[in-house]
Amino acid sequence: MFAVLLPSYYTSLGQAIAAMSPTVEISALLLTFIFAVVIAFNGVLQPYRILGWWRWMYRVSPYTYLIEGVIGQAIEHQEINCAPVEFVIINPPSGQSCSQYMDPYISFAGGYLMNPNATSSCQFCAFRTTDQFLTSAFNIQYSHHWRNAGILLSFTALNIVALYAFMYLFRIRTWNFSKRWRVWKKKNEST
């Protein structure tokens, strides 16, 4: 589904920009600039959690919804097994096992213990599933795949509407600004 929507989106965007541009060169420059901005704020190159004030660009970037739809669909509900260097070593208070100490936190924040029955050097991994990791790091959720397809389809429809509007405004009904300027100037000089 996204393999059909993506080419439809960028083709309609390119055509809309070409319809309003006076030359091919300007059209190419505008399209390159717009794609650079759209890609820069899609939530993967700049993760959502560090965007700060720029989160509004994350929401208006159609690639945000493409990436969330594709990645969420591809790697959802997978189990994560941390490598030995990725474990955080935690020492519980004396008299408590790792699971007794960490279970309240794990039930709230997720993750897992490699050695739940140990009483020292608890090996804790912050994520148990890809869903936990993608949600916390990139704001990607599997459950949004239909919503994302609809939003990408809406962006494509907006591009098509813009294409026809720009075609009418810049190609069919052209305005001769220099002629209007001369008429306005002549009218104001006489007063």
N, C-alpha and C. Protein backbone atom coordinates (compact mmCIF):
# COMPACT_ATOMS: atom_id res chain seq x y z
N MET A 1 0.81 -1.18 0.00
CA MET A 1 0.00 0.00 0.00
C MET A 1 0.87 1.26 0.00
N PHE A 2 1.89 1.30 0.86
CA PHE A 2 2.77 2.47 0.90
C PHE A 2 3.65 2.53 -0.34
N ALA A 3 3.91 1.39 -0.96
CA ALA A 3 4.70 1.37 -2.20
C ALA A 3 3.95 2.03 -3.34
N VAL A 4 2.64 2.10 -3.27
CA VAL A 4 1.84 2.81 -4.28
C VAL A 4 1.66 4.27 -3.88
N LEU A 5 1.45 4.53 -2.59
CA LEU A 5 1.19 5.89 -2.12
C LEU A 5 2.41 6.79 -2.24
N LEU A 6 3.61 6.26 -1.95
CA LEU A 6 4.80 7.11 -1.99
C LEU A 6 5.08 7.67 -3.39
N PRO A 7 5.13 6.85 -4.45
CA PRO A 7 5.34 7.44 -5.78
C PRO A 7 4.22 8.39 -6.19
N SER A 8 3.00 8.10 -5.78
CA SER A 8 1.90 9.01 -6.07
C SER A 8 2.12 10.36 -5.39
N TYR A 9 2.60 10.31 -4.15
CA TYR A 9 2.85 11.55 -3.41
C TYR A 9 3.94 12.38 -4.07
N TYR A 10 5.13 11.79 -4.27
CA TYR A 10 6.22 12.63 -4.77
C TYR A 10 6.05 13.01 -6.23
N THR A 11 5.34 12.23 -7.02
CA THR A 11 5.06 12.62 -8.39
C THR A 11 4.09 13.80 -8.43
N SER A 12 3.03 13.72 -7.62
CA SER A 12 2.07 14.83 -7.60
C SER A 12 2.69 16.10 -7.02
N LEU A 13 3.58 15.96 -6.04
CA LEU A 13 4.27 17.13 -5.49
C LEU A 13 5.17 17.77 -6.54
N GLY A 14 5.92 16.95 -7.26
CA GLY A 14 6.79 17.47 -8.32
C GLY A 14 6.00 18.17 -9.42
N GLN A 15 4.87 17.60 -9.78
CA GLN A 15 4.04 18.23 -10.82
C GLN A 15 3.44 19.54 -10.32
N ALA A 16 3.02 19.60 -9.07
CA ALA A 16 2.46 20.85 -8.52
C ALA A 16 3.52 21.94 -8.49
N ILE A 17 4.73 21.60 -8.10
CA ILE A 17 5.81 22.60 -8.06
C ILE A 17 6.16 23.03 -9.47
N ALA A 18 6.20 22.10 -10.40
CA ALA A 18 6.50 22.45 -11.79
C ALA A 18 5.41 23.34 -12.39
N ALA A 19 4.16 23.16 -11.98
CA ALA A 19 3.07 23.97 -12.52
C ALA A 19 3.19 25.43 -12.11
N MET A 20 3.78 25.70 -10.95
CA MET A 20 3.88 27.09 -10.51
C MET A 20 5.23 27.72 -10.81
N SER A 21 6.21 26.93 -11.21
CA SER A 21 7.56 27.46 -11.44
C SER A 21 7.70 28.02 -12.85
N PRO A 22 8.40 29.14 -12.98
CA PRO A 22 8.56 29.73 -14.31
C PRO A 22 9.53 28.96 -15.21
N THR A 23 10.50 28.27 -14.61
CA THR A 23 11.47 27.51 -15.40
C THR A 23 11.71 26.14 -14.76
N VAL A 24 12.31 25.28 -15.54
CA VAL A 24 12.64 23.93 -15.05
C VAL A 24 13.67 24.01 -13.93
N GLU A 25 14.63 24.91 -14.05
CA GLU A 25 15.68 25.03 -13.05
C GLU A 25 15.12 25.45 -11.69
N ILE A 26 14.23 26.42 -11.71
CA ILE A 26 13.62 26.87 -10.45
C ILE A 26 12.77 25.76 -9.86
N SER A 27 12.07 25.04 -10.70
CA SER A 27 11.27 23.91 -10.24
C SER A 27 12.16 22.87 -9.55
N ALA A 28 13.29 22.56 -10.15
CA ALA A 28 14.22 21.58 -9.56
C ALA A 28 14.77 22.06 -8.22
N LEU A 29 15.09 23.34 -8.14
CA LEU A 29 15.60 23.89 -6.87
C LEU A 29 14.54 23.85 -5.78
N LEU A 30 13.34 24.25 -6.11
CA LEU A 30 12.25 24.22 -5.11
C LEU A 30 11.95 22.80 -4.64
N LEU A 31 11.88 21.88 -5.57
CA LEU A 31 11.58 20.49 -5.20
C LEU A 31 12.69 19.90 -4.33
N THR A 32 13.93 20.18 -4.67
CA THR A 32 15.05 19.70 -3.86
C THR A 32 14.99 20.27 -2.45
N PHE A 33 14.72 21.55 -2.34
CA PHE A 33 14.62 22.18 -1.02
C PHE A 33 13.48 21.58 -0.21
N ILE A 34 12.31 21.43 -0.82
CA ILE A 34 11.15 20.89 -0.10
C ILE A 34 11.40 19.45 0.35
N PHE A 35 12.01 18.63 -0.51
CA PHE A 35 12.31 17.26 -0.11
C PHE A 35 13.34 17.21 1.01
N ALA A 36 14.33 18.09 0.98
CA ALA A 36 15.32 18.12 2.06
C ALA A 36 14.66 18.44 3.39
N VAL A 37 13.77 19.41 3.40
CA VAL A 37 13.08 19.78 4.64
C VAL A 37 12.17 18.64 5.11
N VAL A 38 11.43 18.06 4.19
CA VAL A 38 10.50 16.98 4.53
C VAL A 38 11.24 15.77 5.09
N ILE A 39 12.36 15.44 4.50
CA ILE A 39 13.12 14.27 4.96
C ILE A 39 13.84 14.55 6.27
N ALA A 40 14.30 15.78 6.47
CA ALA A 40 15.06 16.11 7.68
C ALA A 40 14.21 15.99 8.95
N PHE A 41 12.92 16.16 8.85
CA PHE A 41 12.07 16.17 10.04
C PHE A 41 11.11 14.99 10.10
N ASN A 42 11.49 13.84 9.54
CA ASN A 42 10.54 12.73 9.51
C ASN A 42 10.56 11.88 10.78
N GLY A 43 11.40 12.21 11.74
CA GLY A 43 11.39 11.49 13.00
C GLY A 43 12.40 10.37 13.09
N VAL A 44 13.13 10.10 12.02
CA VAL A 44 14.16 9.09 12.07
C VAL A 44 15.54 9.74 12.02
N LEU A 45 15.74 10.64 11.06
CA LEU A 45 17.01 11.36 11.01
C LEU A 45 17.18 12.24 12.25
N GLN A 46 16.11 12.84 12.69
CA GLN A 46 16.06 13.59 13.94
C GLN A 46 14.98 12.92 14.80
N PRO A 47 15.35 12.07 15.75
CA PRO A 47 14.33 11.38 16.54
C PRO A 47 13.36 12.35 17.21
N TYR A 48 12.14 11.92 17.32
CA TYR A 48 11.05 12.75 17.85
C TYR A 48 11.38 13.33 19.22
N ARG A 49 12.01 12.55 20.06
CA ARG A 49 12.23 12.99 21.44
C ARG A 49 13.23 14.14 21.54
N ILE A 50 14.06 14.37 20.51
CA ILE A 50 15.04 15.47 20.58
C ILE A 50 14.69 16.64 19.66
N LEU A 51 13.53 16.61 19.03
CA LEU A 51 13.17 17.69 18.12
C LEU A 51 12.86 19.01 18.83
N GLY A 52 12.35 18.95 20.02
CA GLY A 52 12.05 20.18 20.75
C GLY A 52 11.02 21.03 20.03
N TRP A 53 11.36 22.30 19.79
CA TRP A 53 10.44 23.24 19.15
C TRP A 53 10.04 22.80 17.76
N TRP A 54 10.87 22.03 17.08
CA TRP A 54 10.62 21.63 15.70
C TRP A 54 9.63 20.48 15.56
N ARG A 55 8.97 20.09 16.61
CA ARG A 55 8.00 18.98 16.53
C ARG A 55 6.85 19.30 15.58
N TRP A 56 6.54 20.54 15.37
CA TRP A 56 5.48 20.89 14.41
C TRP A 56 5.89 20.48 13.00
N MET A 57 7.19 20.54 12.68
CA MET A 57 7.66 20.09 11.35
C MET A 57 7.53 18.57 11.23
N TYR A 58 7.71 17.88 12.33
CA TYR A 58 7.54 16.43 12.35
C TYR A 58 6.11 16.06 11.94
N ARG A 59 5.14 16.83 12.43
CA ARG A 59 3.74 16.55 12.14
C ARG A 59 3.36 16.90 10.70
N VAL A 60 3.97 17.91 10.09
CA VAL A 60 3.59 18.29 8.73
C VAL A 60 4.41 17.57 7.66
N SER A 61 5.37 16.78 8.06
CA SER A 61 6.16 16.02 7.09
C SER A 61 5.45 14.74 6.70
N PRO A 62 5.13 14.56 5.41
CA PRO A 62 4.45 13.32 5.01
C PRO A 62 5.34 12.09 5.19
N TYR A 63 6.64 12.28 5.18
CA TYR A 63 7.53 11.14 5.37
C TYR A 63 7.45 10.58 6.78
N THR A 64 7.02 11.39 7.74
CA THR A 64 6.78 10.90 9.10
C THR A 64 5.79 9.74 9.05
N TYR A 65 4.72 9.93 8.33
CA TYR A 65 3.65 8.93 8.27
C TYR A 65 4.06 7.74 7.41
N LEU A 66 4.87 7.99 6.39
CA LEU A 66 5.39 6.89 5.58
C LEU A 66 6.32 6.01 6.41
N ILE A 67 7.28 6.63 7.10
CA ILE A 67 8.25 5.87 7.90
C ILE A 67 7.54 5.12 9.02
N GLU A 68 6.60 5.78 9.71
CA GLU A 68 5.88 5.11 10.79
C GLU A 68 5.07 3.93 10.26
N GLY A 69 4.44 4.10 9.11
CA GLY A 69 3.65 3.02 8.53
C GLY A 69 4.49 1.84 8.10
N VAL A 70 5.62 2.11 7.46
CA VAL A 70 6.46 1.03 6.95
C VAL A 70 7.23 0.33 8.06
N ILE A 71 7.90 1.09 8.91
CA ILE A 71 8.71 0.48 9.98
C ILE A 71 7.82 -0.20 11.01
N GLY A 72 6.72 0.47 11.38
CA GLY A 72 5.81 -0.14 12.34
C GLY A 72 5.26 -1.46 11.84
N GLN A 73 4.98 -1.53 10.55
CA GLN A 73 4.46 -2.76 9.95
C GLN A 73 5.54 -3.84 9.85
N ALA A 74 6.76 -3.43 9.57
CA ALA A 74 7.83 -4.41 9.31
C ALA A 74 8.38 -5.06 10.56
N ILE A 75 8.52 -4.30 11.64
CA ILE A 75 9.21 -4.88 12.81
C ILE A 75 8.39 -4.80 14.09
N GLU A 76 7.08 -4.78 13.98
CA GLU A 76 6.25 -4.73 15.17
C GLU A 76 6.24 -6.07 15.90
N HIS A 77 6.02 -5.99 17.20
CA HIS A 77 5.83 -7.15 18.07
C HIS A 77 7.00 -8.14 18.05
N GLN A 78 8.21 -7.66 17.84
CA GLN A 78 9.39 -8.53 17.87
C GLN A 78 10.03 -8.45 19.24
N GLU A 79 10.61 -9.55 19.70
CA GLU A 79 11.28 -9.57 20.99
C GLU A 79 12.71 -9.09 20.84
N ILE A 80 13.17 -8.31 21.81
CA ILE A 80 14.54 -7.79 21.81
C ILE A 80 15.35 -8.57 22.83
N ASN A 81 16.54 -8.98 22.45
CA ASN A 81 17.49 -9.60 23.36
C ASN A 81 18.75 -8.76 23.36
N CYS A 82 19.04 -8.13 24.49
CA CYS A 82 20.19 -7.24 24.58
C CYS A 82 21.50 -8.03 24.52
N ALA A 83 22.50 -7.40 23.91
CA ALA A 83 23.85 -7.95 23.91
C ALA A 83 24.45 -7.72 25.30
N PRO A 84 25.48 -8.49 25.68
CA PRO A 84 26.06 -8.33 27.03
C PRO A 84 26.51 -6.90 27.35
N VAL A 85 26.98 -6.15 26.38
CA VAL A 85 27.43 -4.78 26.65
C VAL A 85 26.27 -3.80 26.82
N GLU A 86 25.07 -4.21 26.46
CA GLU A 86 23.91 -3.32 26.55
C GLU A 86 23.17 -3.40 27.88
N PHE A 87 23.49 -4.37 28.71
CA PHE A 87 22.83 -4.49 30.01
C PHE A 87 23.31 -3.41 30.97
N VAL A 88 22.37 -2.91 31.77
CA VAL A 88 22.70 -1.98 32.84
C VAL A 88 22.81 -2.81 34.11
N ILE A 89 23.92 -2.64 34.83
CA ILE A 89 24.15 -3.39 36.06
C ILE A 89 23.59 -2.58 37.23
N ILE A 90 22.69 -3.21 37.98
CA ILE A 90 22.04 -2.56 39.13
C ILE A 90 22.20 -3.46 40.34
N ASN A 91 22.54 -2.85 41.47
CA ASN A 91 22.63 -3.61 42.72
C ASN A 91 21.42 -3.29 43.58
N PRO A 92 20.58 -4.31 43.87
CA PRO A 92 19.38 -4.06 44.70
C PRO A 92 19.77 -3.88 46.17
N PRO A 93 18.87 -3.34 46.97
CA PRO A 93 19.14 -3.25 48.41
C PRO A 93 19.34 -4.64 49.01
N SER A 94 20.07 -4.72 50.10
CA SER A 94 20.34 -6.03 50.70
C SER A 94 19.03 -6.69 51.14
N GLY A 95 18.97 -7.99 50.92
CA GLY A 95 17.80 -8.76 51.28
C GLY A 95 16.75 -8.86 50.17
N GLN A 96 16.98 -8.20 49.04
CA GLN A 96 16.03 -8.26 47.93
C GLN A 96 16.70 -8.88 46.71
N SER A 97 15.90 -9.64 45.98
CA SER A 97 16.41 -10.18 44.72
C SER A 97 16.24 -9.11 43.64
N CYS A 98 16.84 -9.36 42.51
CA CYS A 98 16.72 -8.42 41.38
C CYS A 98 15.27 -8.22 40.98
N SER A 99 14.52 -9.31 40.92
CA SER A 99 13.12 -9.18 40.48
C SER A 99 12.27 -8.46 41.53
N GLN A 100 12.52 -8.69 42.81
CA GLN A 100 11.77 -7.99 43.84
C GLN A 100 12.01 -6.48 43.76
N TYR A 101 13.23 -6.10 43.49
CA TYR A 101 13.59 -4.70 43.43
C TYR A 101 13.13 -4.03 42.12
N MET A 102 13.26 -4.73 41.01
CA MET A 102 13.03 -4.11 39.71
C MET A 102 11.62 -4.31 39.14
N ASP A 103 10.86 -5.29 39.64
CA ASP A 103 9.54 -5.57 39.07
C ASP A 103 8.60 -4.37 39.04
N PRO A 104 8.53 -3.55 40.10
CA PRO A 104 7.65 -2.37 40.01
C PRO A 104 8.06 -1.42 38.85
N TYR A 105 9.34 -1.24 38.69
CA TYR A 105 9.82 -0.38 37.60
C TYR A 105 9.54 -1.01 36.24
N ILE A 106 9.81 -2.29 36.10
CA ILE A 106 9.61 -2.98 34.83
C ILE A 106 8.13 -2.99 34.45
N SER A 107 7.24 -3.15 35.43
CA SER A 107 5.81 -3.15 35.10
C SER A 107 5.36 -1.78 34.60
N PHE A 108 6.05 -0.72 35.00
CA PHE A 108 5.70 0.63 34.55
C PHE A 108 6.42 1.00 33.25
N ALA A 109 7.73 0.78 33.19
CA ALA A 109 8.54 1.29 32.08
C ALA A 109 8.92 0.23 31.05
N GLY A 110 8.77 -1.04 31.37
CA GLY A 110 9.16 -2.10 30.43
C GLY A 110 10.59 -2.54 30.63
N GLY A 111 11.01 -3.46 29.80
CA GLY A 111 12.35 -4.02 29.91
C GLY A 111 12.31 -5.41 30.53
N TYR A 112 13.50 -5.95 30.80
CA TYR A 112 13.55 -7.27 31.42
C TYR A 112 14.87 -7.45 32.16
N LEU A 113 14.89 -8.43 33.05
CA LEU A 113 16.09 -8.79 33.80
C LEU A 113 16.66 -10.08 33.25
N MET A 114 17.96 -10.13 33.10
CA MET A 114 18.62 -11.35 32.63
C MET A 114 18.76 -12.35 33.78
N ASN A 115 18.97 -11.84 34.98
CA ASN A 115 19.16 -12.71 36.15
C ASN A 115 18.21 -12.29 37.27
N PRO A 116 16.90 -12.61 37.15
CA PRO A 116 15.91 -12.11 38.12
C PRO A 116 16.08 -12.64 39.55
N ASN A 117 16.71 -13.79 39.73
CA ASN A 117 16.83 -14.36 41.07
C ASN A 117 18.12 -13.97 41.78
N ALA A 118 19.01 -13.25 41.10
CA ALA A 118 20.27 -12.83 41.72
C ALA A 118 20.01 -11.77 42.78
N THR A 119 20.95 -11.63 43.72
CA THR A 119 20.82 -10.61 44.77
C THR A 119 21.82 -9.48 44.60
N SER A 120 22.64 -9.54 43.54
CA SER A 120 23.57 -8.45 43.23
C SER A 120 23.87 -8.48 41.73
N SER A 121 24.37 -7.39 41.24
CA SER A 121 24.71 -7.25 39.81
C SER A 121 23.55 -7.66 38.90
N CYS A 122 22.43 -7.05 39.10
CA CYS A 122 21.26 -7.33 38.25
C CYS A 122 21.55 -6.82 36.84
N GLN A 123 21.30 -7.65 35.86
CA GLN A 123 21.49 -7.25 34.47
C GLN A 123 20.13 -6.86 33.89
N PHE A 124 19.97 -5.55 33.66
CA PHE A 124 18.70 -5.01 33.21
C PHE A 124 18.83 -4.49 31.78
N CYS A 125 17.87 -4.89 30.93
CA CYS A 125 17.77 -4.39 29.56
C CYS A 125 16.52 -3.51 29.50
N ALA A 126 16.66 -2.31 28.98
CA ALA A 126 15.58 -1.31 29.02
C ALA A 126 14.38 -1.65 28.13
N PHE A 127 14.59 -2.50 27.12
CA PHE A 127 13.49 -2.80 26.19
C PHE A 127 13.32 -4.30 26.04
N ARG A 128 12.06 -4.72 26.00
CA ARG A 128 11.76 -6.14 25.78
C ARG A 128 11.23 -6.39 24.39
N THR A 129 10.52 -5.40 23.84
CA THR A 129 9.96 -5.58 22.49
C THR A 129 10.34 -4.39 21.62
N THR A 130 10.26 -4.60 20.32
CA THR A 130 10.52 -3.52 19.38
C THR A 130 9.48 -2.42 19.52
N ASP A 131 8.27 -2.77 19.94
CA ASP A 131 7.22 -1.76 20.13
C ASP A 131 7.63 -0.74 21.20
N GLN A 132 8.19 -1.22 22.31
CA GLN A 132 8.65 -0.33 23.37
C GLN A 132 9.75 0.60 22.87
N PHE A 133 10.70 0.04 22.15
CA PHE A 133 11.82 0.83 21.64
C PHE A 133 11.35 1.87 20.63
N LEU A 134 10.56 1.45 19.65
CA LEU A 134 10.12 2.37 18.60
C LEU A 134 9.23 3.49 19.16
N THR A 135 8.39 3.17 20.14
CA THR A 135 7.52 4.19 20.73
C THR A 135 8.33 5.21 21.52
N SER A 136 9.26 4.75 22.32
CA SER A 136 10.01 5.68 23.17
C SER A 136 11.06 6.47 22.39
N ALA A 137 11.71 5.85 21.44
CA ALA A 137 12.80 6.54 20.72
C ALA A 137 12.33 7.33 19.52
N PHE A 138 11.36 6.80 18.76
CA PHE A 138 11.00 7.42 17.49
C PHE A 138 9.52 7.77 17.35
N ASN A 139 8.72 7.53 18.39
CA ASN A 139 7.28 7.81 18.34
C ASN A 139 6.60 7.04 17.20
N ILE A 140 7.01 5.82 16.98
CA ILE A 140 6.45 4.96 15.94
C ILE A 140 5.59 3.89 16.60
N GLN A 141 4.34 3.79 16.16
CA GLN A 141 3.43 2.80 16.71
C GLN A 141 2.79 1.99 15.60
N TYR A 142 2.78 0.71 15.79
CA TYR A 142 2.20 -0.20 14.79
C TYR A 142 0.72 0.09 14.54
N SER A 143 0.01 0.46 15.57
CA SER A 143 -1.44 0.63 15.46
C SER A 143 -1.85 1.80 14.56
N HIS A 144 -0.90 2.62 14.14
CA HIS A 144 -1.21 3.78 13.30
C HIS A 144 -1.11 3.51 11.80
N HIS A 145 -0.94 2.27 11.38
CA HIS A 145 -0.66 2.03 9.96
C HIS A 145 -1.80 2.46 9.04
N TRP A 146 -3.06 2.26 9.42
CA TRP A 146 -4.16 2.70 8.56
C TRP A 146 -4.30 4.22 8.60
N ARG A 147 -4.11 4.79 9.76
CA ARG A 147 -4.15 6.25 9.87
C ARG A 147 -3.06 6.88 9.00
N ASN A 148 -1.87 6.30 9.04
CA ASN A 148 -0.76 6.83 8.26
C ASN A 148 -1.02 6.73 6.76
N ALA A 149 -1.62 5.64 6.33
CA ALA A 149 -1.96 5.50 4.90
C ALA A 149 -2.97 6.56 4.49
N GLY A 150 -3.95 6.82 5.34
CA GLY A 150 -4.93 7.85 5.05
C GLY A 150 -4.32 9.25 5.00
N ILE A 151 -3.40 9.53 5.90
CA ILE A 151 -2.74 10.84 5.91
C ILE A 151 -1.88 11.01 4.67
N LEU A 152 -1.14 9.98 4.29
CA LEU A 152 -0.31 10.06 3.08
C LEU A 152 -1.19 10.22 1.84
N LEU A 153 -2.33 9.55 1.82
CA LEU A 153 -3.28 9.72 0.73
C LEU A 153 -3.83 11.15 0.70
N SER A 154 -4.06 11.74 1.88
CA SER A 154 -4.53 13.13 1.96
C SER A 154 -3.48 14.10 1.44
N PHE A 155 -2.21 13.86 1.76
CA PHE A 155 -1.14 14.70 1.23
C PHE A 155 -1.11 14.62 -0.30
N THR A 156 -1.30 13.43 -0.83
CA THR A 156 -1.32 13.24 -2.29
C THR A 156 -2.50 13.99 -2.90
N ALA A 157 -3.66 13.89 -2.29
CA ALA A 157 -4.85 14.61 -2.79
C ALA A 157 -4.62 16.12 -2.73
N LEU A 158 -3.99 16.60 -1.67
CA LEU A 158 -3.68 18.02 -1.56
C LEU A 158 -2.73 18.45 -2.69
N ASN A 159 -1.76 17.61 -3.00
CA ASN A 159 -0.84 17.91 -4.11
C ASN A 159 -1.57 18.00 -5.44
N ILE A 160 -2.53 17.11 -5.65
CA ILE A 160 -3.29 17.11 -6.91
C ILE A 160 -4.16 18.37 -7.01
N VAL A 161 -4.78 18.76 -5.91
CA VAL A 161 -5.57 19.99 -5.90
C VAL A 161 -4.65 21.19 -6.18
N ALA A 162 -3.48 21.21 -5.54
CA ALA A 162 -2.52 22.29 -5.77
C ALA A 162 -2.04 22.29 -7.21
N LEU A 163 -1.84 21.13 -7.80
CA LEU A 163 -1.42 21.03 -9.20
C LEU A 163 -2.42 21.74 -10.11
N TYR A 164 -3.70 21.42 -9.95
CA TYR A 164 -4.72 22.05 -10.80
C TYR A 164 -4.86 23.55 -10.51
N ALA A 165 -4.78 23.92 -9.25
CA ALA A 165 -4.87 25.35 -8.91
C ALA A 165 -3.68 26.12 -9.48
N PHE A 166 -2.49 25.59 -9.32
CA PHE A 166 -1.30 26.27 -9.85
C PHE A 166 -1.31 26.29 -11.38
N MET A 167 -1.78 25.22 -11.97
CA MET A 167 -1.86 25.18 -13.44
C MET A 167 -2.80 26.30 -13.93
N TYR A 168 -3.92 26.45 -13.25
CA TYR A 168 -4.85 27.50 -13.65
C TYR A 168 -4.26 28.88 -13.40
N LEU A 169 -3.71 29.09 -12.22
CA LEU A 169 -3.23 30.42 -11.85
C LEU A 169 -1.97 30.85 -12.61
N PHE A 170 -1.05 29.92 -12.86
CA PHE A 170 0.24 30.30 -13.44
C PHE A 170 0.38 29.97 -14.92
N ARG A 171 -0.49 29.13 -15.46
CA ARG A 171 -0.35 28.74 -16.87
C ARG A 171 -1.54 29.18 -17.73
N ILE A 172 -2.73 29.05 -17.20
CA ILE A 172 -3.91 29.38 -18.00
C ILE A 172 -4.27 30.86 -17.84
N ARG A 173 -4.45 31.27 -16.63
CA ARG A 173 -4.78 32.68 -16.38
C ARG A 173 -3.51 33.39 -15.92
N THR A 174 -2.72 33.76 -16.84
CA THR A 174 -1.45 34.42 -16.51
C THR A 174 -1.70 35.90 -16.30
N TRP A 175 -1.01 36.46 -15.37
CA TRP A 175 -1.12 37.88 -15.09
C TRP A 175 0.12 38.57 -15.63
N ASN A 176 -0.11 39.61 -16.32
CA ASN A 176 0.99 40.41 -16.82
C ASN A 176 1.20 41.56 -15.84
N PHE A 177 2.10 41.34 -14.90
CA PHE A 177 2.30 42.31 -13.83
C PHE A 177 2.90 43.62 -14.35
N SER A 178 3.75 43.55 -15.35
CA SER A 178 4.35 44.78 -15.86
C SER A 178 3.29 45.67 -16.50
N LYS A 179 2.36 45.07 -17.21
CA LYS A 179 1.28 45.84 -17.83
C LYS A 179 0.40 46.45 -16.75
N ARG A 180 0.06 45.71 -15.72
CA ARG A 180 -0.75 46.23 -14.63
C ARG A 180 -0.01 47.34 -13.90
N TRP A 181 1.28 47.18 -13.73
CA TRP A 181 2.08 48.20 -13.05
C TRP A 181 2.04 49.51 -13.85
N ARG A 182 2.19 49.43 -15.16
CA ARG A 182 2.16 50.63 -16.00
C ARG A 182 0.80 51.31 -15.93
N VAL A 183 -0.27 50.52 -15.95
CA VAL A 183 -1.62 51.09 -15.87
C VAL A 183 -1.82 51.76 -14.52
N TRP A 184 -1.40 51.11 -13.45
CA TRP A 184 -1.56 51.67 -12.11
C TRP A 184 -0.73 52.95 -11.96
N LYS A 185 0.51 52.90 -12.47
CA LYS A 185 1.41 54.05 -12.37
C LYS A 185 0.84 55.23 -13.15
N LYS A 186 0.35 54.97 -14.35
CA LYS A 186 -0.22 56.03 -15.18
C LYS A 186 -1.45 56.64 -14.51
N LYS A 187 -2.26 55.79 -13.91
CA LYS A 187 -3.48 56.26 -13.23
C LYS A 187 -3.12 57.15 -12.02
N ASN A 188 -2.12 56.75 -11.26
CA ASN A 188 -1.72 57.50 -10.07
C ASN A 188 -0.94 58.77 -10.42
N GLU A 189 -0.26 58.79 -11.56
CA GLU A 189 0.46 60.01 -11.96
C GLU A 189 -0.49 61.12 -12.36
N SER A 190 -1.62 60.74 -12.92
CA SER A 190 -2.58 61.73 -13.38
C SER A 190 -3.33 62.38 -12.22
N THR A 191 -3.31 61.80 -11.05
CA THR A 191 -4.04 62.37 -9.92
C THR A 191 -3.22 63.29 -9.08
